[in-house]
PDB file of N, CA and C in Angstrom:
ATOM      1  N   MET A   1       0.798  -1.305   0.253  1.00  0.00           N
ATOM      2  CA  MET A   1      -0.057  -0.011  -0.024  1.00  0.00           C
ATOM      3  C   MET A   1       0.911   1.152   0.189  1.00  0.00           C
ATOM      4  N   TRP A   2       0.514   2.180  -0.663  1.00  0.00           N
ATOM      5  CA  TRP A   2       1.228   3.364  -1.017  1.00  0.00           C
ATOM      6  C   TRP A   2       0.245   4.419  -0.769  1.00  0.00           C
ATOM      7  N   ILE A   3       0.816   5.620  -0.121  1.00  0.00           N
ATOM      8  CA  ILE A   3       0.055   7.128  -0.119  1.00  0.00           C
ATOM      9  C   ILE A   3       0.687   7.971  -1.064  1.00  0.00           C
ATOM     10  N   LEU A   4      -0.021   8.295  -2.029  1.00  0.00           N
ATOM     11  CA  LEU A   4       0.509   9.283  -3.182  1.00  0.00           C
ATOM     12  C   LEU A   4       0.389  10.552  -2.789  1.00  0.00           C
ATOM     13  N   LEU A   5       1.529  11.256  -2.745  1.00  0.00           N
ATOM     14  CA  LEU A   5       1.640  12.627  -2.136  1.00  0.00           C
ATOM     15  C   LEU A   5       1.947  13.821  -3.369  1.00  0.00           C
ATOM     16  N   VAL A   6       1.432  14.870  -3.267  1.00  0.00           N
ATOM     17  CA  VAL A   6       1.865  16.048  -4.192  1.00  0.00           C
ATOM     18  C   VAL A   6       2.324  17.192  -3.219  1.00  0.00           C
ATOM     19  N   TRP A   7       2.881  18.202  -3.998  1.00  0.00           N
ATOM     20  CA  TRP A   7       3.404  19.387  -3.472  1.00  0.00           C
ATOM     21  C   TRP A   7       2.391  20.051  -2.642  1.00  0.00           C
ATOM     22  N   HIS A   8       2.632  20.582  -1.317  1.00  0.00           N
ATOM     23  CA  HIS A   8       1.675  21.495  -0.531  1.00  0.00           C
ATOM     24  C   HIS A   8       2.207  22.818  -0.637  1.00  0.00           C
ATOM     25  N   PRO A   9       1.547  23.804  -1.260  1.00  0.00           N
ATOM     26  CA  PRO A   9       2.084  25.035  -1.590  1.00  0.00           C
ATOM     27  C   PRO A   9       2.458  25.826  -0.155  1.00  0.00           C
ATOM     28  N   ALA A  10       1.548  25.774   0.780  1.00  0.00           N
ATOM     29  CA  ALA A  10       1.624  26.328   1.954  1.00  0.00           C
ATOM     30  C   ALA A  10       2.760  25.712   2.893  1.00  0.00           C
ATOM     31  N   LEU A  11       3.094  24.525   2.683  1.00  0.00           N
ATOM     32  CA  LEU A  11       4.156  23.826   3.389  1.00  0.00           C
ATOM     33  C   LEU A  11       5.347  23.763   2.796  1.00  0.00           C
ATOM     34  N   GLY A  12       5.472  23.804   1.354  1.00  0.00           N
ATOM     35  CA  GLY A  12       6.822  23.848   0.636  1.00  0.00           C
ATOM     36  C   GLY A  12       7.244  22.353   0.663  1.00  0.00           C
ATOM     37  N   LEU A  13       6.410  21.544   0.803  1.00  0.00           N
ATOM     38  CA  LEU A  13       6.935  19.926   0.778  1.00  0.00           C
ATOM     39  C   LEU A  13       5.982  18.973   0.107  1.00  0.00           C
ATOM     40  N   PRO A  14       6.239  17.907  -0.660  1.00  0.00           N
ATOM     41  CA  PRO A  14       5.207  17.017  -0.992  1.00  0.00           C
ATOM     42  C   PRO A  14       4.652  16.218   0.004  1.00  0.00           C
ATOM     43  N   VAL A  15       3.877  16.770   0.726  1.00  0.00           N
ATOM     44  CA  VAL A  15       3.073  16.097   1.786  1.00  0.00           C
ATOM     45  C   VAL A  15       1.476  15.937   1.630  1.00  0.00           C
ATOM     46  N   ASP A  16       0.979  16.447   0.632  1.00  0.00           N
ATOM     47  CA  ASP A  16      -0.226  16.414   0.387  1.00  0.00           C
ATOM     48  C   ASP A  16      -0.812  15.192  -0.233  1.00  0.00           C
ATOM     49  N   PRO A  17      -1.653  14.354   0.712  1.00  0.00           N
ATOM     50  CA  PRO A  17      -2.017  13.071  -0.106  1.00  0.00           C
ATOM     51  C   PRO A  17      -3.281  13.413  -1.074  1.00  0.00           C
ATOM     52  N   VAL A  18      -2.990  12.610  -2.293  1.00  0.00           N
ATOM     53  CA  VAL A  18      -4.263  12.758  -3.101  1.00  0.00           C
ATOM     54  C   VAL A  18      -4.730  11.366  -3.596  1.00  0.00           C
ATOM     55  N   ALA A  19      -4.019  10.230  -3.092  1.00  0.00           N
ATOM     56  CA  ALA A  19      -4.665   8.814  -3.380  1.00  0.00           C
ATOM     57  C   ALA A  19      -3.910   7.772  -2.663  1.00  0.00           C
ATOM     58  N   VAL A  20      -4.544   6.610  -2.592  1.00  0.00           N
ATOM     59  CA  VAL A  20      -3.841   5.377  -2.176  1.00  0.00           C
ATOM     60  C   VAL A  20      -3.783   4.518  -3.273  1.00  0.00           C
ATOM     61  N   LEU A  21      -2.520   3.852  -3.254  1.00  0.00           N
ATOM     62  CA  LEU A  21      -2.429   2.947  -4.171  1.00  0.00           C
ATOM     63  C   LEU A  21      -2.132   1.573  -3.589  1.00  0.00           C
ATOM     64  N   GLY A  22      -2.928   0.492  -4.131  1.00  0.00           N
ATOM     65  CA  GLY A  22      -2.623  -0.888  -3.515  1.00  0.00           C
ATOM     66  C   GLY A  22      -2.378  -1.676  -4.816  1.00  0.00           C
ATOM     67  N   LEU A  23      -1.062  -2.336  -4.631  1.00  0.00           N
ATOM     68  CA  LEU A  23      -0.605  -3.281  -5.704  1.00  0.00           C
ATOM     69  C   LEU A  23      -0.318  -4.720  -5.061  1.00  0.00           C
ATOM     70  N   ASP A  24      -0.869  -5.735  -5.798  1.00  0.00           N
ATOM     71  CA  ASP A  24      -0.479  -7.109  -5.527  1.00  0.00           C
ATOM     72  C   ASP A  24      -0.046  -7.700  -6.660  1.00  0.00           C
ATOM     73  N   GLU A  25       1.190  -7.860  -6.797  1.00  0.00           N
ATOM     74  CA  GLU A  25       1.743  -8.548  -8.037  1.00  0.00           C
ATOM     75  C   GLU A  25       1.895 -10.248  -7.668  1.00  0.00           C
ATOM     76  N   ASN A  26       1.467 -10.592  -6.635  1.00  0.00           N
ATOM     77  CA  ASN A  26       1.249 -12.150  -6.226  1.00  0.00           C
ATOM     78  C   ASN A  26       0.381 -12.696  -7.312  1.00  0.00           C
ATOM     79  N   ARG A  27      -0.590 -11.960  -7.391  1.00  0.00           N
ATOM     80  CA  ARG A  27      -2.020 -12.350  -8.212  1.00  0.00           C
ATOM     81  C   ARG A  27      -1.672 -12.164  -9.621  1.00  0.00           C
ATOM     82  N   GLN A  28      -2.471 -13.316 -10.408  1.00  0.00           N
ATOM     83  CA  GLN A  28      -1.976 -13.210 -11.890  1.00  0.00           C
ATOM     84  C   GLN A  28      -3.571 -13.202 -12.629  1.00  0.00           C
ATOM     85  N   PRO A  29      -3.741 -11.851 -13.304  1.00  0.00           N
ATOM     86  CA  PRO A  29      -2.669 -10.852 -13.400  1.00  0.00           C
ATOM     87  C   PRO A  29      -2.740  -9.845 -12.234  1.00  0.00           C
ATOM     88  N   ALA A  30      -1.550  -9.104 -12.295  1.00  0.00           N
ATOM     89  CA  ALA A  30      -1.378  -8.522 -10.874  1.00  0.00           C
ATOM     90  C   ALA A  30      -2.630  -7.572 -10.593  1.00  0.00           C
ATOM     91  N   GLU A  31      -2.957  -7.235  -9.324  1.00  0.00           N
ATOM     92  CA  GLU A  31      -3.993  -6.461  -8.915  1.00  0.00           C
ATOM     93  C   GLU A  31      -3.614  -5.082  -8.612  1.00  0.00           C
ATOM     94  N   ARG A  32      -4.364  -3.849  -9.078  1.00  0.00           N
ATOM     95  CA  ARG A  32      -3.892  -2.587  -8.670  1.00  0.00           C
ATOM     96  C   ARG A  32      -5.206  -1.985  -8.242  1.00  0.00           C
ATOM     97  N   VAL A  33      -5.339  -1.205  -7.018  1.00  0.00           N
ATOM     98  CA  VAL A  33      -6.417  -0.444  -6.807  1.00  0.00           C
ATOM     99  C   VAL A  33      -5.850   0.884  -6.488  1.00  0.00           C
ATOM    100  N   VAL A  34      -6.643   1.916  -6.940  1.00  0.00           N
ATOM    101  CA  VAL A  34      -6.229   3.301  -6.727  1.00  0.00           C
ATOM    102  C   VAL A  34      -7.585   3.874  -6.073  1.00  0.00           C
ATOM    103  N   ARG A  35      -7.468   4.632  -4.874  1.00  0.00           N
ATOM    104  CA  ARG A  35      -8.469   5.391  -4.308  1.00  0.00           C
ATOM    105  C   ARG A  35      -8.117   6.728  -4.224  1.00  0.00           C
ATOM    106  N   TRP A  36      -8.900   7.580  -5.139  1.00  0.00           N
ATOM    107  CA  TRP A  36      -8.442   9.059  -5.039  1.00  0.00           C
ATOM    108  C   TRP A  36      -9.195   9.856  -3.903  1.00  0.00           C
ATOM    109  N   VAL A  37      -8.477  10.898  -3.313  1.00  0.00           N
ATOM    110  CA  VAL A  37      -8.930  11.646  -2.440  1.00  0.00           C
ATOM    111  C   VAL A  37     -10.253  12.481  -3.241  1.00  0.00           C
ATOM    112  N   PRO A  38     -11.362  12.610  -2.795  1.00  0.00           N
ATOM    113  CA  PRO A  38     -12.599  13.298  -3.370  1.00  0.00           C
ATOM    114  C   PRO A  38     -12.252  14.845  -3.429  1.00  0.00           C
ATOM    115  N   LEU A  39     -12.769  15.310  -4.652  1.00  0.00           N
ATOM    116  CA  LEU A  39     -12.512  16.674  -5.213  1.00  0.00           C
ATOM    117  C   LEU A  39     -11.177  17.256  -5.105  1.00  0.00           C
ATOM    118  N   VAL A  40     -10.221  16.531  -5.379  1.00  0.00           N
ATOM    119  CA  VAL A  40      -8.820  16.914  -5.549  1.00  0.00           C
ATOM    120  C   VAL A  40      -8.430  16.489  -6.713  1.00  0.00           C
ATOM    121  N   TYR A  41      -8.887  16.902  -7.937  1.00  0.00           N
ATOM    122  CA  TYR A  41      -8.504  16.337  -9.244  1.00  0.00           C
ATOM    123  C   TYR A  41      -7.102  17.285  -9.762  1.00  0.00           C
ATOM    124  N   GLU A  42      -7.415  18.436  -9.864  1.00  0.00           N
ATOM    125  CA  GLU A  42      -6.149  19.227 -10.485  1.00  0.00           C
ATOM    126  C   GLU A  42      -4.699  18.786  -9.562  1.00  0.00           C
ATOM    127  N   PRO A  43      -4.729  19.154  -8.276  1.00  0.00           N
ATOM    128  CA  PRO A  43      -3.643  18.602  -7.618  1.00  0.00           C
ATOM    129  C   PRO A  43      -3.084  17.202  -7.933  1.00  0.00           C
ATOM    130  N   ALA A  44      -3.982  16.366  -8.009  1.00  0.00           N
ATOM    131  CA  ALA A  44      -3.472  14.986  -8.218  1.00  0.00           C
ATOM    132  C   ALA A  44      -3.181  14.700  -9.874  1.00  0.00           C
ATOM    133  N   ALA A  45      -3.311  15.593 -10.600  1.00  0.00           N
ATOM    134  CA  ALA A  45      -3.050  15.533 -12.144  1.00  0.00           C
ATOM    135  C   ALA A  45      -1.681  14.740 -12.346  1.00  0.00           C
ATOM    136  N   PRO A  46      -0.652  15.005 -11.553  1.00  0.00           N
ATOM    137  CA  PRO A  46       0.628  14.438 -11.761  1.00  0.00           C
ATOM    138  C   PRO A  46       0.822  12.879 -11.560  1.00  0.00           C
ATOM    139  N   TRP A  47       0.175  12.620 -10.615  1.00  0.00           N
ATOM    140  CA  TRP A  47      -0.094  11.231 -10.223  1.00  0.00           C
ATOM    141  C   TRP A  47      -1.009  10.435 -11.440  1.00  0.00           C
ATOM    142  N   ARG A  48      -2.008  10.977 -11.708  1.00  0.00           N
ATOM    143  CA  ARG A  48      -2.860  10.442 -12.618  1.00  0.00           C
ATOM    144  C   ARG A  48      -2.037  10.172 -13.957  1.00  0.00           C
ATOM    145  N   GLU A  49      -1.160  11.010 -14.378  1.00  0.00           N
ATOM    146  CA  GLU A  49      -0.517  10.951 -15.490  1.00  0.00           C
ATOM    147  C   GLU A  49       0.574   9.687 -15.331  1.00  0.00           C
ATOM    148  N   ARG A  50       1.045   9.728 -14.194  1.00  0.00           N
ATOM    149  CA  ARG A  50       2.168   8.583 -13.888  1.00  0.00           C
ATOM    150  C   ARG A  50       1.567   7.145 -13.823  1.00  0.00           C
ATOM    151  N   LEU A  51       0.334   7.168 -13.247  1.00  0.00           N
ATOM    152  CA  LEU A  51      -0.201   5.718 -13.110  1.00  0.00           C
ATOM    153  C   LEU A  51      -0.526   5.101 -14.285  1.00  0.00           C
ATOM    154  N   GLY A  52      -1.086   5.825 -15.134  1.00  0.00           N
ATOM    155  CA  GLY A  52      -1.640   5.132 -16.331  1.00  0.00           C
ATOM    156  C   GLY A  52      -2.596   4.068 -16.405  1.00  0.00           C
ATOM    157  N   GLU A  53      -2.512   3.056 -17.093  1.00  0.00           N
ATOM    158  CA  GLU A  53      -3.241   1.886 -17.037  1.00  0.00           C
ATOM    159  C   GLU A  53      -2.765   0.694 -16.132  1.00  0.00           C
ATOM    160  N   THR A  54      -1.521   0.519 -16.024  1.00  0.00           N
ATOM    161  CA  THR A  54      -0.816  -0.534 -15.082  1.00  0.00           C
ATOM    162  C   THR A  54       0.114   0.264 -14.367  1.00  0.00           C
ATOM    163  N   THR A  55       0.433  -0.483 -13.220  1.00  0.00           N
ATOM    164  CA  THR A  55       1.512  -0.293 -12.248  1.00  0.00           C
ATOM    165  C   THR A  55       2.318  -1.452 -11.862  1.00  0.00           C
ATOM    166  N   THR A  56       3.729  -1.331 -11.789  1.00  0.00           N
ATOM    167  CA  THR A  56       4.472  -2.470 -11.243  1.00  0.00           C
ATOM    168  C   THR A  56       5.432  -1.942  -9.994  1.00  0.00           C
ATOM    169  N   SER A  57       5.907  -3.095  -9.714  1.00  0.00           N
ATOM    170  CA  SER A  57       6.794  -2.691  -8.636  1.00  0.00           C
ATOM    171  C   SER A  57       8.071  -1.914  -8.924  1.00  0.00           C
ATOM    172  N   GLN A  58       8.439  -2.172 -10.318  1.00  0.00           N
ATOM    173  CA  GLN A  58       9.496  -1.199 -10.994  1.00  0.00           C
ATOM    174  C   GLN A  58       9.079   0.179 -10.994  1.00  0.00           C
ATOM    175  N   ASP A  59       7.714   0.485 -11.453  1.00  0.00           N
ATOM    176  CA  ASP A  59       7.379   1.807 -11.348  1.00  0.00           C
ATOM    177  C   ASP A  59       7.430   2.329 -10.091  1.00  0.00           C
ATOM    178  N   ILE A  60       7.202   1.815  -8.990  1.00  0.00           N
ATOM    179  CA  ILE A  60       7.218   2.120  -7.657  1.00  0.00           C
ATOM    180  C   ILE A  60       8.684   2.431  -7.179  1.00  0.00           C
ATOM    181  N   GLU A  61       9.466   1.578  -7.499  1.00  0.00           N
ATOM    182  CA  GLU A  61      11.037   1.723  -7.199  1.00  0.00           C
ATOM    183  C   GLU A  61      11.431   3.126  -7.910  1.00  0.00           C
ATOM    184  N   ARG A  62      11.119   3.338  -9.229  1.00  0.00           N
ATOM    185  CA  ARG A  62      11.408   4.494  -9.939  1.00  0.00           C
ATOM    186  C   ARG A  62      10.845   5.660  -9.316  1.00  0.00           C
ATOM    187  N   TRP A  63       9.574   5.611  -8.832  1.00  0.00           N
ATOM    188  CA  TRP A  63       8.971   6.787  -8.169  1.00  0.00           C
ATOM    189  C   TRP A  63       9.703   7.172  -6.764  1.00  0.00           C
ATOM    190  N   ILE A  64      10.143   6.030  -6.194  1.00  0.00           N
ATOM    191  CA  ILE A  64      10.778   6.354  -4.829  1.00  0.00           C
ATOM    192  C   ILE A  64      12.084   6.989  -5.072  1.00  0.00           C
ATOM    193  N   ALA A  65      12.739   6.546  -6.154  1.00  0.00           N
ATOM    194  CA  ALA A  65      14.142   7.138  -6.638  1.00  0.00           C
ATOM    195  C   ALA A  65      14.049   8.577  -6.987  1.00  0.00           C
ATOM    196  N   GLN A  66      12.774   8.896  -7.452  1.00  0.00           N
ATOM    197  CA  GLN A  66      12.484  10.405  -7.773  1.00  0.00           C
ATOM    198  C   GLN A  66      11.811  11.200  -6.953  1.00  0.00           C
ATOM    199  N   SER A  67      11.432  10.645  -5.690  1.00  0.00           N
ATOM    200  CA  SER A  67      10.686  11.416  -4.645  1.00  0.00           C
ATOM    201  C   SER A  67      11.384  12.735  -4.164  1.00  0.00           C
ATOM    202  N   GLY A  68      10.690  13.400  -3.608  1.00  0.00           N
ATOM    203  CA  GLY A  68      11.178  14.723  -3.161  1.00  0.00           C
ATOM    204  C   GLY A  68      10.878  16.020  -4.108  1.00  0.00           C
ATOM    205  N   GLY A  69      10.541  15.927  -5.296  1.00  0.00           N
ATOM    206  CA  GLY A  69      10.006  16.931  -6.034  1.00  0.00           C
ATOM    207  C   GLY A  69       8.561  17.218  -5.860  1.00  0.00           C
ATOM    208  N   THR A  70       7.926  17.477  -6.864  1.00  0.00           N
ATOM    209  CA  THR A  70       6.562  17.745  -7.051  1.00  0.00           C
ATOM    210  C   THR A  70       5.524  16.427  -6.312  1.00  0.00           C
ATOM    211  N   CYS A  71       6.111  15.458  -6.683  1.00  0.00           N
ATOM    212  CA  CYS A  71       5.293  14.038  -6.174  1.00  0.00           C
ATOM    213  C   CYS A  71       6.184  13.373  -5.422  1.00  0.00           C
ATOM    214  N   SER A  72       5.652  12.618  -4.346  1.00  0.00           N
ATOM    215  CA  SER A  72       6.384  11.456  -3.466  1.00  0.00           C
ATOM    216  C   SER A  72       5.298  10.521  -3.201  1.00  0.00           C
ATOM    217  N   LEU A  73       5.884   9.303  -2.519  1.00  0.00           N
ATOM    218  CA  LEU A  73       4.961   8.381  -1.946  1.00  0.00           C
ATOM    219  C   LEU A  73       5.574   7.953  -0.813  1.00  0.00           C
ATOM    220  N   GLU A  74       4.656   7.469  -0.067  1.00  0.00           N
ATOM    221  CA  GLU A  74       5.130   6.991   1.207  1.00  0.00           C
ATOM    222  C   GLU A  74       4.328   5.520   1.615  1.00  0.00           C
ATOM    223  N   PRO A  75       5.005   4.608   2.133  1.00  0.00           N
ATOM    224  CA  PRO A  75       4.410   3.280   2.368  1.00  0.00           C
ATOM    225  C   PRO A  75       3.225   3.328   3.510  1.00  0.00           C
ATOM    226  N   ALA A  76       2.343   2.508   3.257  1.00  0.00           N
ATOM    227  CA  ALA A  76       1.199   2.518   4.259  1.00  0.00           C
ATOM    228  C   ALA A  76       1.010   1.039   4.631  1.00  0.00           C
ATOM    229  N   ASP A  77       0.897   0.701   5.816  1.00  0.00           N
ATOM    230  CA  ASP A  77       0.482  -0.681   6.276  1.00  0.00           C
ATOM    231  C   ASP A  77      -1.006  -0.933   5.835  1.00  0.00           C
ATOM    232  N   VAL A  78      -1.156  -2.339   5.598  1.00  0.00           N
ATOM    233  CA  VAL A  78      -2.353  -2.921   5.057  1.00  0.00           C
ATOM    234  C   VAL A  78      -3.081  -2.875   6.544  1.00  0.00           C
ATOM    235  N   PRO A  79      -4.301  -2.191   6.779  1.00  0.00           N
ATOM    236  CA  PRO A  79      -4.978  -2.011   7.961  1.00  0.00           C
ATOM    237  C   PRO A  79      -5.496  -3.561   8.490  1.00  0.00           C
ATOM    238  N   GLU A  80      -5.407  -3.564   9.655  1.00  0.00           N
ATOM    239  CA  GLU A  80      -6.051  -5.044  10.350  1.00  0.00           C
ATOM    240  C   GLU A  80      -7.477  -4.919   9.877  1.00  0.00           C
ATOM    241  N   GLY A  81      -7.886  -6.268   9.675  1.00  0.00           N
ATOM    242  CA  GLY A  81      -9.328  -6.462   9.442  1.00  0.00           C
ATOM    243  C   GLY A  81      -9.548  -6.298   7.809  1.00  0.00           C
ATOM    244  N   ALA A  82      -8.802  -5.740   6.851  1.00  0.00           N
ATOM    245  CA  ALA A  82      -8.936  -5.440   5.578  1.00  0.00           C
ATOM    246  C   ALA A  82      -9.398  -6.902   5.030  1.00  0.00           C
ATOM    247  N   LEU A  83     -10.340  -6.986   4.217  1.00  0.00           N
ATOM    248  CA  LEU A  83     -10.788  -8.029   3.520  1.00  0.00           C
ATOM    249  C   LEU A  83     -10.090  -8.438   2.220  1.00  0.00           C
ATOM    250  N   ASP A  84      -9.872  -7.390   1.550  1.00  0.00           N
ATOM    251  CA  ASP A  84      -9.066  -7.585   0.444  1.00  0.00           C
ATOM    252  C   ASP A  84      -8.282  -6.193  -0.023  1.00  0.00           C
ATOM    253  N   LEU A  85      -7.709  -6.079  -1.056  1.00  0.00           N
ATOM    254  CA  LEU A  85      -6.874  -4.980  -1.598  1.00  0.00           C
ATOM    255  C   LEU A  85      -7.788  -3.851  -1.633  1.00  0.00           C
ATOM    256  N   THR A  86      -8.909  -3.946  -2.074  1.00  0.00           N
ATOM    257  CA  THR A  86      -9.887  -2.539  -2.268  1.00  0.00           C
ATOM    258  C   THR A  86     -10.393  -2.137  -0.887  1.00  0.00           C
ATOM    259  N   HIS A  87     -10.630  -3.144  -0.123  1.00  0.00           N
ATOM    260  CA  HIS A  87     -11.126  -2.745   1.273  1.00  0.00           C
ATOM    261  C   HIS A  87      -9.826  -2.121   1.977  1.00  0.00           C
ATOM    262  N   ALA A  88      -8.656  -2.507   1.949  1.00  0.00           N
ATOM    263  CA  ALA A  88      -7.382  -1.985   2.402  1.00  0.00           C
ATOM    264  C   ALA A  88      -7.301  -0.590   2.177  1.00  0.00           C
ATOM    265  N   ALA A  89      -7.258  -0.414   0.726  1.00  0.00           N
ATOM    266  CA  ALA A  89      -7.130   1.092   0.172  1.00  0.00           C
ATOM    267  C   ALA A  89      -8.330   1.811   0.671  1.00  0.00           C
ATOM    268  N   ASP A  90      -9.376   1.402   0.794  1.00  0.00           N
ATOM    269  CA  ASP A  90     -10.581   2.218   1.185  1.00  0.00           C
ATOM    270  C   ASP A  90     -10.395   2.649   2.757  1.00  0.00           C
ATOM    271  N   LEU A  91      -9.890   1.648   3.561  1.00  0.00           N
ATOM    272  CA  LEU A  91      -9.479   1.921   4.980  1.00  0.00           C
ATOM    273  C   LEU A  91      -8.242   3.048   5.043  1.00  0.00           C
ATOM    274  N   VAL A  92      -7.414   2.826   4.317  1.00  0.00           N
ATOM    275  CA  VAL A  92      -6.404   3.802   4.297  1.00  0.00           C
ATOM    276  C   VAL A  92      -6.845   5.212   4.131  1.00  0.00           C
ATOM    277  N   LEU A  93      -7.588   5.320   2.896  1.00  0.00           N
ATOM    278  CA  LEU A  93      -8.109   6.581   2.544  1.00  0.00           C
ATOM    279  C   LEU A  93      -9.119   7.240   3.571  1.00  0.00           C
ATOM    280  N   ASP A  94      -9.753   6.341   4.245  1.00  0.00           N
ATOM    281  CA  ASP A  94     -10.513   6.843   5.331  1.00  0.00           C
ATOM    282  C   ASP A  94      -9.982   7.500   6.350  1.00  0.00           C
ATOM    283  N   GLY A  95      -8.818   6.635   6.716  1.00  0.00           N
ATOM    284  CA  GLY A  95      -7.768   7.241   7.897  1.00  0.00           C
ATOM    285  C   GLY A  95      -7.237   8.547   7.483  1.00  0.00           C
ATOM    286  N   LEU A  96      -6.867   8.820   6.083  1.00  0.00           N
ATOM    287  CA  LEU A  96      -6.249  10.115   5.745  1.00  0.00           C
ATOM    288  C   LEU A  96      -7.253  11.267   5.748  1.00  0.00           C
ATOM    289  N   LEU A  97      -8.676  10.868   5.366  1.00  0.00           N
ATOM    290  CA  LEU A  97      -9.643  11.895   5.352  1.00  0.00           C
ATOM    291  C   LEU A  97      -9.965  12.342   6.881  1.00  0.00           C
ATOM    292  N   ALA A  98      -9.819  11.275   7.768  1.00  0.00           N
ATOM    293  CA  ALA A  98     -10.319  11.542   9.243  1.00  0.00           C
ATOM    294  C   ALA A  98      -9.270  12.224   9.905  1.00  0.00           C
ATOM    295  N   GLU A  99      -7.842  11.718   9.694  1.00  0.00           N
ATOM    296  CA  GLU A  99      -6.798  12.289  10.682  1.00  0.00           C
ATOM    297  C   GLU A  99      -5.732  13.278   9.786  1.00  0.00           C
ATOM    298  N   VAL A 100      -5.413  13.049   8.631  1.00  0.00           N
ATOM    299  CA  VAL A 100      -4.320  13.745   8.181  1.00  0.00           C
ATOM    300  C   VAL A 100      -5.024  15.172   7.437  1.00  0.00           C
ATOM    301  N   PHE A 101      -5.992  15.094   6.723  1.00  0.00           N
ATOM    302  CA  PHE A 101      -6.486  16.289   5.994  1.00  0.00           C
ATOM    303  C   PHE A 101      -6.846  17.386   7.080  1.00  0.00           C
ATOM    304  N   PRO A 102      -7.534  16.956   8.374  1.00  0.00           N
ATOM    305  CA  PRO A 102      -7.871  18.146   9.179  1.00  0.00           C
ATOM    306  C   PRO A 102      -6.801  18.771   9.595  1.00  0.00           C
ATOM    307  N   ALA A 103      -5.549  18.167   9.721  1.00  0.00           N
ATOM    308  CA  ALA A 103      -4.338  18.790  10.257  1.00  0.00           C
ATOM    309  C   ALA A 103      -3.541  19.622   9.331  1.00  0.00           C
ATOM    310  N   LEU A 104      -3.728  19.566   8.032  1.00  0.00           N
ATOM    311  CA  LEU A 104      -2.979  20.400   6.967  1.00  0.00           C
ATOM    312  C   LEU A 104      -3.514  21.477   6.779  1.00  0.00           C
ATOM    313  N   PRO A 105      -2.812  22.601   6.626  1.00  0.00           N
ATOM    314  CA  PRO A 105      -3.311  23.956   6.334  1.00  0.00           C
ATOM    315  C   PRO A 105      -3.922  23.748   4.967  1.00  0.00           C
ATOM    316  N   PRO A 106      -4.688  24.914   4.724  1.00  0.00           N
ATOM    317  CA  PRO A 106      -5.361  25.052   3.470  1.00  0.00           C
ATOM    318  C   PRO A 106      -4.224  25.062   2.451  1.00  0.00           C
ATOM    319  N   ARG A 107      -4.648  24.549   1.005  1.00  0.00           N
ATOM    320  CA  ARG A 107      -3.626  24.725   0.035  1.00  0.00           C
ATOM    321  C   ARG A 107      -3.266  25.996  -0.339  1.00  0.00           C
ATOM    322  N   GLY A 108      -4.142  26.886  -0.569  1.00  0.00           N
ATOM    323  CA  GLY A 108      -4.045  28.231  -1.097  1.00  0.00           C
ATOM    324  C   GLY A 108      -3.887  28.268  -2.546  1.00  0.00           C
ATOM    325  N   ASP A 109      -3.583  29.417  -3.055  1.00  0.00           N
ATOM    326  CA  ASP A 109      -3.423  29.413  -4.554  1.00  0.00           C
ATOM    327  C   ASP A 109      -1.840  29.838  -4.802  1.00  0.00           C
ATOM    328  N   VAL A 110      -1.080  29.446  -4.112  1.00  0.00           N
ATOM    329  CA  VAL A 110       0.335  29.666  -3.984  1.00  0.00           C
ATOM    330  C   VAL A 110       0.953  29.134  -5.401  1.00  0.00           C
TER     331      VAL A 110
END
């Protein structure tokens, strides 16, 4: 599980969550789940472009190496009690919406 982050203008760091990515390459074909933060379309555009149709562990390794600019990603634990990858991504997103977003300052128009 990965939390996809973009640049937060008010903080000057890529700490603004825009999506949760779940990837299970042990399944054939590999399973990918993306849960986008509601109403955050424009700030999430860089990640929408990066993700495309498929995602592999090699993509994630490349993105980690490129982290620190406009986009970044952080690992997230699969929540206890998650029934499957989709449910896990939903639970992580729910946690972000409940705990992280209220703590972030407004994005502003910087």
